[in-house]
Amino acid sequence: MGKGVNMYDAISVGITMALGGAVPAIAIGMIVTAALKAIGRNPEAASAIQTNMILGLAFAEAIAIYSLVVALIIKFV
């Protein structure tokens, strides 16, 4: 017999994915906003700012991927 769906597992997966998607999305928006403001104030530094912005975006997106992995572990283990 297969394992039945546990209500607490389903709620945990939902909360993990909701927070794990929303919080990095907010962080990405804040990172891009700050980078665009900095480029607007100092256009000569645009390439350095853009490089650091992309690095920050990658780290923020990694948090969303980690939450997906945690949600899958909760669901299937």
PDB file of N, CA and C in Angstrom:
ATOM      1  N   MET A   1       0.831  -1.187   0.000  1.00  0.00           N
ATOM      2  CA  MET A   1       0.000   0.000   0.000  1.00  0.00           C
ATOM      3  C   MET A   1       0.873   1.246   0.000  1.00  0.00           C
ATOM      4  N   GLY A   2       0.459   2.245  -0.748  1.00  0.00           N
ATOM      5  CA  GLY A   2       1.192   3.493  -0.812  1.00  0.00           C
ATOM      6  C   GLY A   2       0.949   4.358   0.407  1.00  0.00           C
ATOM      7  N   LYS A   3       1.814   5.270   0.609  1.00  0.00           N
ATOM      8  CA  LYS A   3       1.682   6.198   1.728  1.00  0.00           C
ATOM      9  C   LYS A   3       0.570   7.194   1.419  1.00  0.00           C
ATOM     10  N   GLY A   4      -0.331   7.406   2.327  1.00  0.00           N
ATOM     11  CA  GLY A   4      -1.408   8.371   2.133  1.00  0.00           C
ATOM     12  C   GLY A   4      -0.892   9.792   2.222  1.00  0.00           C
ATOM     13  N   VAL A   5      -1.687  10.721   1.726  1.00  0.00           N
ATOM     14  CA  VAL A   5      -1.301  12.132   1.778  1.00  0.00           C
ATOM     15  C   VAL A   5      -1.541  12.646   3.189  1.00  0.00           C
ATOM     16  N   ASN A   6      -0.483  13.111   3.802  1.00  0.00           N
ATOM     17  CA  ASN A   6      -0.573  13.659   5.145  1.00  0.00           C
ATOM     18  C   ASN A   6      -0.909  15.141   5.030  1.00  0.00           C
ATOM     19  N   MET A   7      -1.917  15.570   5.768  1.00  0.00           N
ATOM     20  CA  MET A   7      -2.355  16.959   5.697  1.00  0.00           C
ATOM     21  C   MET A   7      -1.230  17.917   6.106  1.00  0.00           C
ATOM     22  N   TYR A   8      -0.477  17.553   7.108  1.00  0.00           N
ATOM     23  CA  TYR A   8       0.594  18.426   7.585  1.00  0.00           C
ATOM     24  C   TYR A   8       1.728  18.524   6.568  1.00  0.00           C
ATOM     25  N   ASP A   9       1.982  17.428   5.859  1.00  0.00           N
ATOM     26  CA  ASP A   9       2.992  17.471   4.797  1.00  0.00           C
ATOM     27  C   ASP A   9       2.554  18.410   3.677  1.00  0.00           C
ATOM     28  N   ALA A  10       1.277  18.320   3.308  1.00  0.00           N
ATOM     29  CA  ALA A  10       0.769  19.170   2.229  1.00  0.00           C
ATOM     30  C   ALA A  10       0.829  20.649   2.625  1.00  0.00           C
ATOM     31  N   ILE A  11       0.473  20.955   3.849  1.00  0.00           N
ATOM     32  CA  ILE A  11       0.527  22.342   4.321  1.00  0.00           C
ATOM     33  C   ILE A  11       1.972  22.813   4.387  1.00  0.00           C
ATOM     34  N   SER A  12       2.870  21.958   4.860  1.00  0.00           N
ATOM     35  CA  SER A  12       4.288  22.324   4.944  1.00  0.00           C
ATOM     36  C   SER A  12       4.875  22.596   3.567  1.00  0.00           C
ATOM     37  N   VAL A  13       4.524  21.758   2.598  1.00  0.00           N
ATOM     38  CA  VAL A  13       5.014  21.972   1.236  1.00  0.00           C
ATOM     39  C   VAL A  13       4.478  23.286   0.678  1.00  0.00           C
ATOM     40  N   GLY A  14       3.210  23.557   0.908  1.00  0.00           N
ATOM     41  CA  GLY A  14       2.616  24.801   0.419  1.00  0.00           C
ATOM     42  C   GLY A  14       3.258  26.037   1.028  1.00  0.00           C
ATOM     43  N   ILE A  15       3.457  26.018   2.314  1.00  0.00           N
ATOM     44  CA  ILE A  15       4.079  27.172   2.984  1.00  0.00           C
ATOM     45  C   ILE A  15       5.530  27.326   2.542  1.00  0.00           C
ATOM     46  N   THR A  16       6.240  26.210   2.423  1.00  0.00           N
ATOM     47  CA  THR A  16       7.642  26.269   1.994  1.00  0.00           C
ATOM     48  C   THR A  16       7.756  26.882   0.606  1.00  0.00           C
ATOM     49  N   MET A  17       6.906  26.457  -0.311  1.00  0.00           N
ATOM     50  CA  MET A  17       6.973  26.980  -1.677  1.00  0.00           C
ATOM     51  C   MET A  17       6.489  28.427  -1.746  1.00  0.00           C
ATOM     52  N   ALA A  18       5.472  28.769  -0.958  1.00  0.00           N
ATOM     53  CA  ALA A  18       4.972  30.146  -0.974  1.00  0.00           C
ATOM     54  C   ALA A  18       6.035  31.118  -0.468  1.00  0.00           C
ATOM     55  N   LEU A  19       6.616  30.817   0.674  1.00  0.00           N
ATOM     56  CA  LEU A  19       7.650  31.691   1.222  1.00  0.00           C
ATOM     57  C   LEU A  19       8.937  31.595   0.414  1.00  0.00           C
ATOM     58  N   GLY A  20       9.254  30.386  -0.031  1.00  0.00           N
ATOM     59  CA  GLY A  20      10.478  30.183  -0.803  1.00  0.00           C
ATOM     60  C   GLY A  20      10.431  30.819  -2.173  1.00  0.00           C
ATOM     61  N   GLY A  21       9.260  31.112  -2.668  1.00  0.00           N
ATOM     62  CA  GLY A  21       9.140  31.831  -3.933  1.00  0.00           C
ATOM     63  C   GLY A  21       8.968  33.330  -3.757  1.00  0.00           C
ATOM     64  N   ALA A  22       8.216  33.723  -2.734  1.00  0.00           N
ATOM     65  CA  ALA A  22       7.906  35.137  -2.542  1.00  0.00           C
ATOM     66  C   ALA A  22       9.088  35.939  -2.006  1.00  0.00           C
ATOM     67  N   VAL A  23       9.774  35.400  -1.029  1.00  0.00           N
ATOM     68  CA  VAL A  23      10.872  36.149  -0.405  1.00  0.00           C
ATOM     69  C   VAL A  23      12.027  36.396  -1.388  1.00  0.00           C
ATOM     70  N   PRO A  24      12.488  35.384  -2.136  1.00  0.00           N
ATOM     71  CA  PRO A  24      13.524  35.677  -3.134  1.00  0.00           C
ATOM     72  C   PRO A  24      13.044  36.632  -4.233  1.00  0.00           C
ATOM     73  N   ALA A  25      11.760  36.566  -4.585  1.00  0.00           N
ATOM     74  CA  ALA A  25      11.243  37.493  -5.596  1.00  0.00           C
ATOM     75  C   ALA A  25      11.304  38.937  -5.102  1.00  0.00           C
ATOM     76  N   ILE A  26      10.976  39.149  -3.850  1.00  0.00           N
ATOM     77  CA  ILE A  26      11.081  40.486  -3.260  1.00  0.00           C
ATOM     78  C   ILE A  26      12.536  40.923  -3.211  1.00  0.00           C
ATOM     79  N   ALA A  27      13.415  40.006  -2.820  1.00  0.00           N
ATOM     80  CA  ALA A  27      14.843  40.333  -2.753  1.00  0.00           C
ATOM     81  C   ALA A  27      15.394  40.680  -4.131  1.00  0.00           C
ATOM     82  N   ILE A  28      14.986  39.945  -5.151  1.00  0.00           N
ATOM     83  CA  ILE A  28      15.442  40.236  -6.518  1.00  0.00           C
ATOM     84  C   ILE A  28      14.972  41.619  -6.947  1.00  0.00           C
ATOM     85  N   GLY A  29      13.741  41.953  -6.635  1.00  0.00           N
ATOM     86  CA  GLY A  29      13.237  43.291  -6.953  1.00  0.00           C
ATOM     87  C   GLY A  29      14.015  44.383  -6.257  1.00  0.00           C
ATOM     88  N   MET A  30      14.357  44.161  -5.004  1.00  0.00           N
ATOM     89  CA  MET A  30      15.123  45.155  -4.260  1.00  0.00           C
ATOM     90  C   MET A  30      16.538  45.293  -4.819  1.00  0.00           C
ATOM     91  N   ILE A  31      17.144  44.163  -5.200  1.00  0.00           N
ATOM     92  CA  ILE A  31      18.504  44.199  -5.759  1.00  0.00           C
ATOM     93  C   ILE A  31      18.521  44.979  -7.061  1.00  0.00           C
ATOM     94  N   VAL A  32      17.573  44.694  -7.940  1.00  0.00           N
ATOM     95  CA  VAL A  32      17.532  45.380  -9.237  1.00  0.00           C
ATOM     96  C   VAL A  32      17.234  46.867  -9.053  1.00  0.00           C
ATOM     97  N   THR A  33      16.318  47.184  -8.150  1.00  0.00           N
ATOM     98  CA  THR A  33      16.007  48.593  -7.894  1.00  0.00           C
ATOM     99  C   THR A  33      17.235  49.355  -7.413  1.00  0.00           C
ATOM    100  N   ALA A  34      17.954  48.769  -6.462  1.00  0.00           N
ATOM    101  CA  ALA A  34      19.154  49.432  -5.942  1.00  0.00           C
ATOM    102  C   ALA A  34      20.219  49.575  -7.022  1.00  0.00           C
ATOM    103  N   ALA A  35      20.372  48.557  -7.864  1.00  0.00           N
ATOM    104  CA  ALA A  35      21.382  48.627  -8.926  1.00  0.00           C
ATOM    105  C   ALA A  35      21.020  49.694  -9.951  1.00  0.00           C
ATOM    106  N   LEU A  36      19.754  49.771 -10.322  1.00  0.00           N
ATOM    107  CA  LEU A  36      19.353  50.786 -11.301  1.00  0.00           C
ATOM    108  C   LEU A  36      19.490  52.201 -10.750  1.00  0.00           C
ATOM    109  N   LYS A  37      19.194  52.370  -9.473  1.00  0.00           N
ATOM    110  CA  LYS A  37      19.398  53.685  -8.855  1.00  0.00           C
ATOM    111  C   LYS A  37      20.880  54.046  -8.830  1.00  0.00           C
ATOM    112  N   ALA A  38      21.726  53.066  -8.519  1.00  0.00           N
ATOM    113  CA  ALA A  38      23.171  53.322  -8.478  1.00  0.00           C
ATOM    114  C   ALA A  38      23.707  53.653  -9.873  1.00  0.00           C
ATOM    115  N   ILE A  39      23.215  52.956 -10.887  1.00  0.00           N
ATOM    116  CA  ILE A  39      23.644  53.259 -12.256  1.00  0.00           C
ATOM    117  C   ILE A  39      23.151  54.639 -12.672  1.00  0.00           C
ATOM    118  N   GLY A  40      21.958  55.009 -12.232  1.00  0.00           N
ATOM    119  CA  GLY A  40      21.450  56.347 -12.536  1.00  0.00           C
ATOM    120  C   GLY A  40      22.284  57.444 -11.906  1.00  0.00           C
ATOM    121  N   ARG A  41      22.825  57.192 -10.706  1.00  0.00           N
ATOM    122  CA  ARG A  41      23.655  58.187 -10.039  1.00  0.00           C
ATOM    123  C   ARG A  41      25.070  58.221 -10.601  1.00  0.00           C
ATOM    124  N   ASN A  42      25.581  57.057 -11.053  1.00  0.00           N
ATOM    125  CA  ASN A  42      26.964  56.979 -11.511  1.00  0.00           C
ATOM    126  C   ASN A  42      27.030  56.071 -12.751  1.00  0.00           C
ATOM    127  N   PRO A  43      26.695  56.590 -13.915  1.00  0.00           N
ATOM    128  CA  PRO A  43      26.659  55.757 -15.121  1.00  0.00           C
ATOM    129  C   PRO A  43      28.013  55.165 -15.511  1.00  0.00           C
ATOM    130  N   GLU A  44      29.108  55.791 -15.110  1.00  0.00           N
ATOM    131  CA  GLU A  44      30.428  55.269 -15.462  1.00  0.00           C
ATOM    132  C   GLU A  44      30.711  53.927 -14.786  1.00  0.00           C
ATOM    133  N   ALA A  45      30.070  53.677 -13.664  1.00  0.00           N
ATOM    134  CA  ALA A  45      30.299  52.440 -12.919  1.00  0.00           C
ATOM    135  C   ALA A  45      29.285  51.354 -13.268  1.00  0.00           C
ATOM    136  N   ALA A  46      28.599  51.501 -14.393  1.00  0.00           N
ATOM    137  CA  ALA A  46      27.514  50.579 -14.742  1.00  0.00           C
ATOM    138  C   ALA A  46      27.995  49.136 -14.882  1.00  0.00           C
ATOM    139  N   SER A  47      29.157  48.920 -15.476  1.00  0.00           N
ATOM    140  CA  SER A  47      29.602  47.536 -15.681  1.00  0.00           C
ATOM    141  C   SER A  47      29.926  46.845 -14.351  1.00  0.00           C
ATOM    142  N   ALA A  48      30.554  47.558 -13.438  1.00  0.00           N
ATOM    143  CA  ALA A  48      30.862  46.974 -12.126  1.00  0.00           C
ATOM    144  C   ALA A  48      29.587  46.726 -11.330  1.00  0.00           C
ATOM    145  N   ILE A  49      28.656  47.657 -11.402  1.00  0.00           N
ATOM    146  CA  ILE A  49      27.391  47.498 -10.681  1.00  0.00           C
ATOM    147  C   ILE A  49      26.603  46.329 -11.265  1.00  0.00           C
ATOM    148  N   GLN A  50      26.604  46.218 -12.589  1.00  0.00           N
ATOM    149  CA  GLN A  50      25.859  45.140 -13.229  1.00  0.00           C
ATOM    150  C   GLN A  50      26.438  43.773 -12.858  1.00  0.00           C
ATOM    151  N   THR A  51      27.748  43.676 -12.808  1.00  0.00           N
ATOM    152  CA  THR A  51      28.377  42.407 -12.426  1.00  0.00           C
ATOM    153  C   THR A  51      27.984  42.006 -11.010  1.00  0.00           C
ATOM    154  N   ASN A  52      28.044  42.943 -10.092  1.00  0.00           N
ATOM    155  CA  ASN A  52      27.653  42.647  -8.707  1.00  0.00           C
ATOM    156  C   ASN A  52      26.170  42.357  -8.594  1.00  0.00           C
ATOM    157  N   MET A  53      25.345  43.028  -9.397  1.00  0.00           N
ATOM    158  CA  MET A  53      23.908  42.790  -9.378  1.00  0.00           C
ATOM    159  C   MET A  53      23.600  41.364  -9.825  1.00  0.00           C
ATOM    160  N   ILE A  54      24.242  40.923 -10.889  1.00  0.00           N
ATOM    161  CA  ILE A  54      23.994  39.571 -11.390  1.00  0.00           C
ATOM    162  C   ILE A  54      24.426  38.530 -10.366  1.00  0.00           C
ATOM    163  N   LEU A  55      25.521  38.763  -9.684  1.00  0.00           N
ATOM    164  CA  LEU A  55      25.965  37.854  -8.625  1.00  0.00           C
ATOM    165  C   LEU A  55      24.932  37.793  -7.500  1.00  0.00           C
ATOM    166  N   GLY A  56      24.426  38.945  -7.097  1.00  0.00           N
ATOM    167  CA  GLY A  56      23.390  38.977  -6.061  1.00  0.00           C
ATOM    168  C   GLY A  56      22.111  38.294  -6.505  1.00  0.00           C
ATOM    169  N   LEU A  57      21.738  38.457  -7.771  1.00  0.00           N
ATOM    170  CA  LEU A  57      20.551  37.781  -8.290  1.00  0.00           C
ATOM    171  C   LEU A  57      20.715  36.265  -8.258  1.00  0.00           C
ATOM    172  N   ALA A  58      21.902  35.801  -8.584  1.00  0.00           N
ATOM    173  CA  ALA A  58      22.152  34.354  -8.562  1.00  0.00           C
ATOM    174  C   ALA A  58      22.017  33.802  -7.144  1.00  0.00           C
ATOM    175  N   PHE A  59      22.539  34.526  -6.159  1.00  0.00           N
ATOM    176  CA  PHE A  59      22.422  34.062  -4.776  1.00  0.00           C
ATOM    177  C   PHE A  59      20.968  34.073  -4.315  1.00  0.00           C
ATOM    178  N   ALA A  60      20.210  35.103  -4.684  1.00  0.00           N
ATOM    179  CA  ALA A  60      18.806  35.167  -4.289  1.00  0.00           C
ATOM    180  C   ALA A  60      18.004  34.050  -4.952  1.00  0.00           C
ATOM    181  N   GLU A  61      18.301  33.759  -6.204  1.00  0.00           N
ATOM    182  CA  GLU A  61      17.590  32.695  -6.909  1.00  0.00           C
ATOM    183  C   GLU A  61      17.951  31.325  -6.334  1.00  0.00           C
ATOM    184  N   ALA A  62      19.161  31.181  -5.822  1.00  0.00           N
ATOM    185  CA  ALA A  62      19.561  29.909  -5.209  1.00  0.00           C
ATOM    186  C   ALA A  62      18.695  29.589  -3.993  1.00  0.00           C
ATOM    187  N   ILE A  63      18.282  30.609  -3.262  1.00  0.00           N
ATOM    188  CA  ILE A  63      17.413  30.394  -2.104  1.00  0.00           C
ATOM    189  C   ILE A  63      16.086  29.797  -2.553  1.00  0.00           C
ATOM    190  N   ALA A  64      15.547  30.262  -3.677  1.00  0.00           N
ATOM    191  CA  ALA A  64      14.293  29.711  -4.199  1.00  0.00           C
ATOM    192  C   ALA A  64      14.480  28.251  -4.603  1.00  0.00           C
ATOM    193  N   ILE A  65      15.604  27.921  -5.178  1.00  0.00           N
ATOM    194  CA  ILE A  65      15.870  26.536  -5.574  1.00  0.00           C
ATOM    195  C   ILE A  65      16.021  25.653  -4.337  1.00  0.00           C
ATOM    196  N   TYR A  66      16.678  26.166  -3.294  1.00  0.00           N
ATOM    197  CA  TYR A  66      16.797  25.405  -2.054  1.00  0.00           C
ATOM    198  C   TYR A  66      15.419  25.128  -1.454  1.00  0.00           C
ATOM    199  N   SER A  67      14.525  26.097  -1.502  1.00  0.00           N
ATOM    200  CA  SER A  67      13.184  25.877  -0.950  1.00  0.00           C
ATOM    201  C   SER A  67      12.427  24.837  -1.769  1.00  0.00           C
ATOM    202  N   LEU A  68      12.645  24.796  -3.079  1.00  0.00           N
ATOM    203  CA  LEU A  68      12.031  23.761  -3.901  1.00  0.00           C
ATOM    204  C   LEU A  68      12.537  22.379  -3.492  1.00  0.00           C
ATOM    205  N   VAL A  69      13.832  22.266  -3.266  1.00  0.00           N
ATOM    206  CA  VAL A  69      14.408  20.985  -2.840  1.00  0.00           C
ATOM    207  C   VAL A  69      13.847  20.568  -1.482  1.00  0.00           C
ATOM    208  N   VAL A  70      13.746  21.498  -0.560  1.00  0.00           N
ATOM    209  CA  VAL A  70      13.187  21.185   0.761  1.00  0.00           C
ATOM    210  C   VAL A  70      11.732  20.749   0.637  1.00  0.00           C
ATOM    211  N   ALA A  71      10.956  21.434  -0.210  1.00  0.00           N
ATOM    212  CA  ALA A  71       9.554  21.064  -0.400  1.00  0.00           C
ATOM    213  C   ALA A  71       9.431  19.657  -0.982  1.00  0.00           C
ATOM    214  N   LEU A  72      10.293  19.328  -1.932  1.00  0.00           N
ATOM    215  CA  LEU A  72      10.255  17.979  -2.506  1.00  0.00           C
ATOM    216  C   LEU A  72      10.653  16.925  -1.485  1.00  0.00           C
ATOM    217  N   ILE A  73      11.613  17.247  -0.631  1.00  0.00           N
ATOM    218  CA  ILE A  73      12.000  16.306   0.421  1.00  0.00           C
ATOM    219  C   ILE A  73      10.850  16.099   1.392  1.00  0.00           C
ATOM    220  N   ILE A  74      10.169  17.161   1.776  1.00  0.00           N
ATOM    221  CA  ILE A  74       9.016  17.041   2.681  1.00  0.00           C
ATOM    222  C   ILE A  74       7.939  16.192   2.036  1.00  0.00           C
ATOM    223  N   LYS A  75       7.691  16.402   0.767  1.00  0.00           N
ATOM    224  CA  LYS A  75       6.596  15.696   0.096  1.00  0.00           C
ATOM    225  C   LYS A  75       6.882  14.212  -0.085  1.00  0.00           C
ATOM    226  N   PHE A  76       8.090  13.861  -0.459  1.00  0.00           N
ATOM    227  CA  PHE A  76       8.360  12.481  -0.840  1.00  0.00           C
ATOM    228  C   PHE A  76       9.112  11.647   0.198  1.00  0.00           C
ATOM    229  N   VAL A  77       9.510  12.241   1.297  1.00  0.00           N
ATOM    230  CA  VAL A  77      10.229  11.458   2.319  1.00  0.00           C
ATOM    231  C   VAL A  77       9.400  11.363   3.576  1.00  0.00           C
TER     232      VAL A  77
END
